[in-house]
Amino acid sequence: MRKALLPAIALSLVAAFSTPVFAAEPAAPGAAVAVAASVNINTADAATLSNGLDGVGAARARAIIEHREAHGPFSSADDLLEVNGIGPATLEKNRTRIAVN
């Protein structure tokens, strides 16, 4: 039985270590780098909020809209901390994508 296992183990190891791995090439100096589009938290609908912000699903998107409707427009990204379910980590992950104007 051991003799039958050795070829199978050898083939598994060869397959595992011969799989090519491709790394992304670094961008050339001065090349344009894609930046995530901004999401205006004062005008975006639930789908836009959940698709455009990391860690924001349908429930949190609805909470953002409900807060906006109850309290008026957000004056800064930091105002999102007043929304139930949005904490500092979620805010920081998305800070560069959040627009309020």
N, C-alpha and C. Protein backbone atom coordinates (compact mmCIF):
# COMPACT_ATOMS: atom_id res chain seq x y z
N MET A 1 0.81 -1.19 0.00
CA MET A 1 0.00 0.00 0.00
C MET A 1 0.86 1.26 0.00
N ARG A 2 1.98 1.25 0.69
CA ARG A 2 2.86 2.41 0.71
C ARG A 2 3.40 2.73 -0.67
N LYS A 3 3.70 1.70 -1.45
CA LYS A 3 4.23 1.92 -2.78
C LYS A 3 3.20 2.63 -3.66
N ALA A 4 1.93 2.38 -3.45
CA ALA A 4 0.89 3.01 -4.25
C ALA A 4 0.70 4.48 -3.85
N LEU A 5 0.95 4.81 -2.61
CA LEU A 5 0.78 6.18 -2.14
C LEU A 5 1.90 7.12 -2.59
N LEU A 6 3.09 6.63 -2.68
CA LEU A 6 4.22 7.48 -3.03
C LEU A 6 4.06 8.18 -4.37
N PRO A 7 3.66 7.48 -5.44
CA PRO A 7 3.48 8.21 -6.71
C PRO A 7 2.37 9.27 -6.62
N ALA A 8 1.30 8.97 -5.89
CA ALA A 8 0.21 9.93 -5.76
C ALA A 8 0.67 11.17 -4.99
N ILE A 9 1.45 10.97 -3.94
CA ILE A 9 1.97 12.09 -3.16
C ILE A 9 2.95 12.90 -4.01
N ALA A 10 3.80 12.22 -4.75
CA ALA A 10 4.77 12.91 -5.60
C ALA A 10 4.05 13.75 -6.65
N LEU A 11 3.01 13.22 -7.28
CA LEU A 11 2.27 13.97 -8.28
C LEU A 11 1.56 15.17 -7.66
N SER A 12 1.03 15.00 -6.46
CA SER A 12 0.37 16.11 -5.77
C SER A 12 1.35 17.24 -5.48
N LEU A 13 2.54 16.89 -5.04
CA LEU A 13 3.55 17.91 -4.75
C LEU A 13 4.01 18.62 -6.01
N VAL A 14 4.20 17.88 -7.08
CA VAL A 14 4.60 18.49 -8.35
C VAL A 14 3.53 19.46 -8.82
N ALA A 15 2.26 19.06 -8.74
CA ALA A 15 1.17 19.92 -9.18
C ALA A 15 1.08 21.17 -8.30
N ALA A 16 1.26 21.00 -7.01
CA ALA A 16 1.14 22.13 -6.10
C ALA A 16 2.24 23.16 -6.30
N PHE A 17 3.45 22.70 -6.57
CA PHE A 17 4.57 23.62 -6.68
C PHE A 17 4.88 24.05 -8.10
N SER A 18 4.17 23.52 -9.08
CA SER A 18 4.43 23.94 -10.45
C SER A 18 3.35 24.89 -10.98
N THR A 19 2.38 25.24 -10.14
CA THR A 19 1.35 26.18 -10.55
C THR A 19 1.97 27.57 -10.67
N PRO A 20 1.85 28.21 -11.83
CA PRO A 20 2.47 29.53 -11.99
C PRO A 20 1.77 30.57 -11.12
N VAL A 21 2.55 31.47 -10.62
CA VAL A 21 2.04 32.57 -9.82
C VAL A 21 2.41 33.85 -10.53
N PHE A 22 1.44 34.71 -10.77
CA PHE A 22 1.69 35.95 -11.47
C PHE A 22 1.52 37.10 -10.50
N ALA A 23 2.49 37.96 -10.50
CA ALA A 23 2.41 39.16 -9.66
C ALA A 23 2.10 40.35 -10.55
N ALA A 24 1.37 41.27 -10.00
CA ALA A 24 1.07 42.48 -10.76
C ALA A 24 2.34 43.29 -10.90
N GLU A 25 2.53 43.84 -12.08
CA GLU A 25 3.70 44.68 -12.30
C GLU A 25 3.46 46.04 -11.67
N PRO A 26 4.47 46.61 -11.05
CA PRO A 26 4.27 47.94 -10.46
C PRO A 26 4.03 48.97 -11.55
N ALA A 27 3.29 49.98 -11.22
CA ALA A 27 3.01 51.05 -12.17
C ALA A 27 4.28 51.83 -12.45
N ALA A 28 4.41 52.27 -13.67
CA ALA A 28 5.56 53.08 -14.05
C ALA A 28 5.47 54.42 -13.34
N PRO A 29 6.62 55.01 -13.03
CA PRO A 29 6.58 56.33 -12.39
C PRO A 29 5.81 57.32 -13.26
N GLY A 30 4.92 58.06 -12.65
CA GLY A 30 4.13 59.05 -13.36
C GLY A 30 2.89 58.48 -14.04
N ALA A 31 2.70 57.15 -13.96
CA ALA A 31 1.53 56.54 -14.60
C ALA A 31 0.28 56.84 -13.79
N ALA A 32 -0.83 56.95 -14.47
CA ALA A 32 -2.10 57.20 -13.78
C ALA A 32 -2.51 55.96 -13.01
N VAL A 33 -2.98 56.15 -11.81
CA VAL A 33 -3.43 55.05 -10.97
C VAL A 33 -4.93 55.24 -10.75
N ALA A 34 -5.68 54.16 -10.90
CA ALA A 34 -7.13 54.24 -10.72
C ALA A 34 -7.46 54.54 -9.27
N VAL A 35 -8.38 55.45 -9.06
CA VAL A 35 -8.83 55.82 -7.72
C VAL A 35 -10.32 55.52 -7.66
N ALA A 36 -10.73 54.98 -6.54
CA ALA A 36 -12.15 54.67 -6.38
C ALA A 36 -12.98 55.94 -6.50
N ALA A 37 -14.11 55.82 -7.15
CA ALA A 37 -15.00 56.96 -7.33
C ALA A 37 -15.56 57.39 -5.97
N SER A 38 -15.83 58.66 -5.85
CA SER A 38 -16.39 59.14 -4.59
C SER A 38 -17.89 58.89 -4.55
N VAL A 39 -18.39 58.78 -3.34
CA VAL A 39 -19.81 58.55 -3.10
C VAL A 39 -20.32 59.72 -2.27
N ASN A 40 -21.28 60.44 -2.82
CA ASN A 40 -21.86 61.57 -2.09
C ASN A 40 -22.90 61.00 -1.12
N ILE A 41 -22.58 61.03 0.16
CA ILE A 41 -23.47 60.44 1.16
C ILE A 41 -24.74 61.26 1.38
N ASN A 42 -24.80 62.45 0.80
CA ASN A 42 -26.00 63.27 0.91
C ASN A 42 -27.00 63.03 -0.22
N THR A 43 -26.55 62.42 -1.29
CA THR A 43 -27.45 62.23 -2.43
C THR A 43 -27.54 60.78 -2.91
N ALA A 44 -26.61 59.92 -2.50
CA ALA A 44 -26.56 58.55 -3.01
C ALA A 44 -27.74 57.72 -2.52
N ASP A 45 -28.21 56.85 -3.40
CA ASP A 45 -29.26 55.91 -3.00
C ASP A 45 -28.61 54.72 -2.29
N ALA A 46 -29.42 53.81 -1.80
CA ALA A 46 -28.91 52.67 -1.03
C ALA A 46 -27.98 51.80 -1.84
N ALA A 47 -28.31 51.56 -3.10
CA ALA A 47 -27.47 50.72 -3.94
C ALA A 47 -26.09 51.35 -4.15
N THR A 48 -26.06 52.64 -4.37
CA THR A 48 -24.79 53.34 -4.57
C THR A 48 -23.95 53.31 -3.31
N LEU A 49 -24.59 53.52 -2.17
CA LEU A 49 -23.87 53.48 -0.90
C LEU A 49 -23.28 52.10 -0.63
N SER A 50 -24.08 51.06 -0.83
CA SER A 50 -23.59 49.71 -0.52
C SER A 50 -22.56 49.23 -1.54
N ASN A 51 -22.67 49.66 -2.78
CA ASN A 51 -21.68 49.26 -3.80
C ASN A 51 -20.41 50.08 -3.73
N GLY A 52 -20.51 51.32 -3.29
CA GLY A 52 -19.37 52.21 -3.33
C GLY A 52 -18.56 52.32 -2.06
N LEU A 53 -19.09 51.81 -0.95
CA LEU A 53 -18.39 51.92 0.33
C LEU A 53 -18.12 50.54 0.91
N ASP A 54 -16.88 50.32 1.31
CA ASP A 54 -16.49 49.05 1.94
C ASP A 54 -17.15 48.92 3.30
N GLY A 55 -17.68 47.73 3.59
CA GLY A 55 -18.27 47.47 4.89
C GLY A 55 -19.68 48.03 5.04
N VAL A 56 -20.24 48.53 3.95
CA VAL A 56 -21.60 49.06 3.99
C VAL A 56 -22.47 48.19 3.09
N GLY A 57 -23.34 47.44 3.72
CA GLY A 57 -24.28 46.60 2.99
C GLY A 57 -25.63 47.28 2.92
N ALA A 58 -26.63 46.53 2.56
CA ALA A 58 -27.97 47.08 2.38
C ALA A 58 -28.51 47.71 3.67
N ALA A 59 -28.32 47.04 4.81
CA ALA A 59 -28.87 47.55 6.08
C ALA A 59 -28.19 48.85 6.49
N ARG A 60 -26.87 48.92 6.39
CA ARG A 60 -26.17 50.15 6.76
C ARG A 60 -26.48 51.27 5.78
N ALA A 61 -26.64 50.94 4.51
CA ALA A 61 -27.00 51.96 3.52
C ALA A 61 -28.36 52.56 3.87
N ARG A 62 -29.31 51.71 4.24
CA ARG A 62 -30.63 52.22 4.64
C ARG A 62 -30.51 53.09 5.89
N ALA A 63 -29.65 52.68 6.82
CA ALA A 63 -29.46 53.47 8.05
C ALA A 63 -28.88 54.85 7.73
N ILE A 64 -27.97 54.91 6.76
CA ILE A 64 -27.40 56.20 6.36
C ILE A 64 -28.49 57.09 5.79
N ILE A 65 -29.32 56.54 4.92
CA ILE A 65 -30.40 57.32 4.30
C ILE A 65 -31.42 57.76 5.34
N GLU A 66 -31.78 56.85 6.26
CA GLU A 66 -32.73 57.21 7.31
C GLU A 66 -32.19 58.33 8.18
N HIS A 67 -30.91 58.27 8.53
CA HIS A 67 -30.30 59.32 9.34
C HIS A 67 -30.31 60.64 8.58
N ARG A 68 -29.97 60.59 7.31
CA ARG A 68 -29.94 61.78 6.46
C ARG A 68 -31.33 62.42 6.36
N GLU A 69 -32.35 61.58 6.22
CA GLU A 69 -33.72 62.09 6.12
C GLU A 69 -34.23 62.67 7.44
N ALA A 70 -33.79 62.08 8.55
CA ALA A 70 -34.25 62.53 9.86
C ALA A 70 -33.50 63.76 10.36
N HIS A 71 -32.20 63.87 10.00
CA HIS A 71 -31.36 64.92 10.58
C HIS A 71 -30.81 65.92 9.56
N GLY A 72 -31.14 65.75 8.31
CA GLY A 72 -30.62 66.65 7.28
C GLY A 72 -29.29 66.15 6.73
N PRO A 73 -28.74 66.91 5.81
CA PRO A 73 -27.51 66.47 5.13
C PRO A 73 -26.32 66.39 6.09
N PHE A 74 -25.40 65.52 5.72
CA PHE A 74 -24.15 65.38 6.47
C PHE A 74 -23.27 66.57 6.12
N SER A 75 -22.60 67.13 7.10
CA SER A 75 -21.69 68.25 6.82
C SER A 75 -20.26 67.78 6.62
N SER A 76 -19.94 66.58 7.11
CA SER A 76 -18.60 66.02 6.90
C SER A 76 -18.70 64.50 6.97
N ALA A 77 -17.65 63.85 6.52
CA ALA A 77 -17.61 62.39 6.57
C ALA A 77 -17.71 61.91 8.02
N ASP A 78 -17.16 62.66 8.95
CA ASP A 78 -17.19 62.27 10.36
C ASP A 78 -18.61 62.14 10.91
N ASP A 79 -19.56 62.83 10.29
CA ASP A 79 -20.96 62.73 10.74
C ASP A 79 -21.51 61.32 10.58
N LEU A 80 -20.88 60.50 9.74
CA LEU A 80 -21.34 59.12 9.57
C LEU A 80 -21.23 58.33 10.87
N LEU A 81 -20.38 58.77 11.78
CA LEU A 81 -20.23 58.08 13.06
C LEU A 81 -21.51 58.14 13.89
N GLU A 82 -22.40 59.05 13.55
CA GLU A 82 -23.69 59.16 14.24
C GLU A 82 -24.69 58.11 13.76
N VAL A 83 -24.36 57.43 12.66
CA VAL A 83 -25.26 56.42 12.09
C VAL A 83 -25.01 55.09 12.78
N ASN A 84 -26.07 54.47 13.25
CA ASN A 84 -25.97 53.17 13.91
C ASN A 84 -25.33 52.16 12.96
N GLY A 85 -24.26 51.51 13.39
CA GLY A 85 -23.59 50.50 12.58
C GLY A 85 -22.37 51.01 11.85
N ILE A 86 -22.14 52.31 11.85
CA ILE A 86 -20.95 52.87 11.22
C ILE A 86 -19.99 53.28 12.33
N GLY A 87 -18.85 52.62 12.37
CA GLY A 87 -17.86 52.92 13.39
C GLY A 87 -16.61 53.52 12.79
N PRO A 88 -15.64 53.82 13.62
CA PRO A 88 -14.41 54.45 13.15
C PRO A 88 -13.67 53.64 12.07
N ALA A 89 -13.67 52.33 12.18
CA ALA A 89 -12.96 51.51 11.19
C ALA A 89 -13.61 51.62 9.81
N THR A 90 -14.93 51.56 9.78
CA THR A 90 -15.64 51.69 8.51
C THR A 90 -15.42 53.08 7.92
N LEU A 91 -15.48 54.09 8.75
CA LEU A 91 -15.25 55.46 8.29
C LEU A 91 -13.86 55.60 7.68
N GLU A 92 -12.85 55.12 8.37
CA GLU A 92 -11.47 55.27 7.88
C GLU A 92 -11.23 54.48 6.60
N LYS A 93 -11.85 53.30 6.45
CA LYS A 93 -11.70 52.54 5.22
C LYS A 93 -12.24 53.30 4.01
N ASN A 94 -13.19 54.17 4.26
CA ASN A 94 -13.90 54.84 3.17
C ASN A 94 -13.66 56.35 3.08
N ARG A 95 -12.91 56.89 3.98
CA ARG A 95 -12.77 58.35 4.07
C ARG A 95 -12.42 59.00 2.74
N THR A 96 -11.53 58.41 1.95
CA THR A 96 -11.13 59.04 0.70
C THR A 96 -12.20 58.96 -0.38
N ARG A 97 -13.21 58.12 -0.18
CA ARG A 97 -14.28 57.97 -1.16
C ARG A 97 -15.52 58.77 -0.82
N ILE A 98 -15.60 59.32 0.37
CA ILE A 98 -16.81 59.98 0.84
C ILE A 98 -16.81 61.45 0.44
N ALA A 99 -17.90 61.83 -0.20
CA ALA A 99 -18.12 63.25 -0.55
C ALA A 99 -19.40 63.71 0.14
N VAL A 100 -19.45 65.00 0.49
CA VAL A 100 -20.63 65.53 1.16
C VAL A 100 -21.21 66.75 0.45
N ASN A 101 -20.61 67.21 -0.62
CA ASN A 101 -21.10 68.41 -1.29
C ASN A 101 -22.12 68.11 -2.35
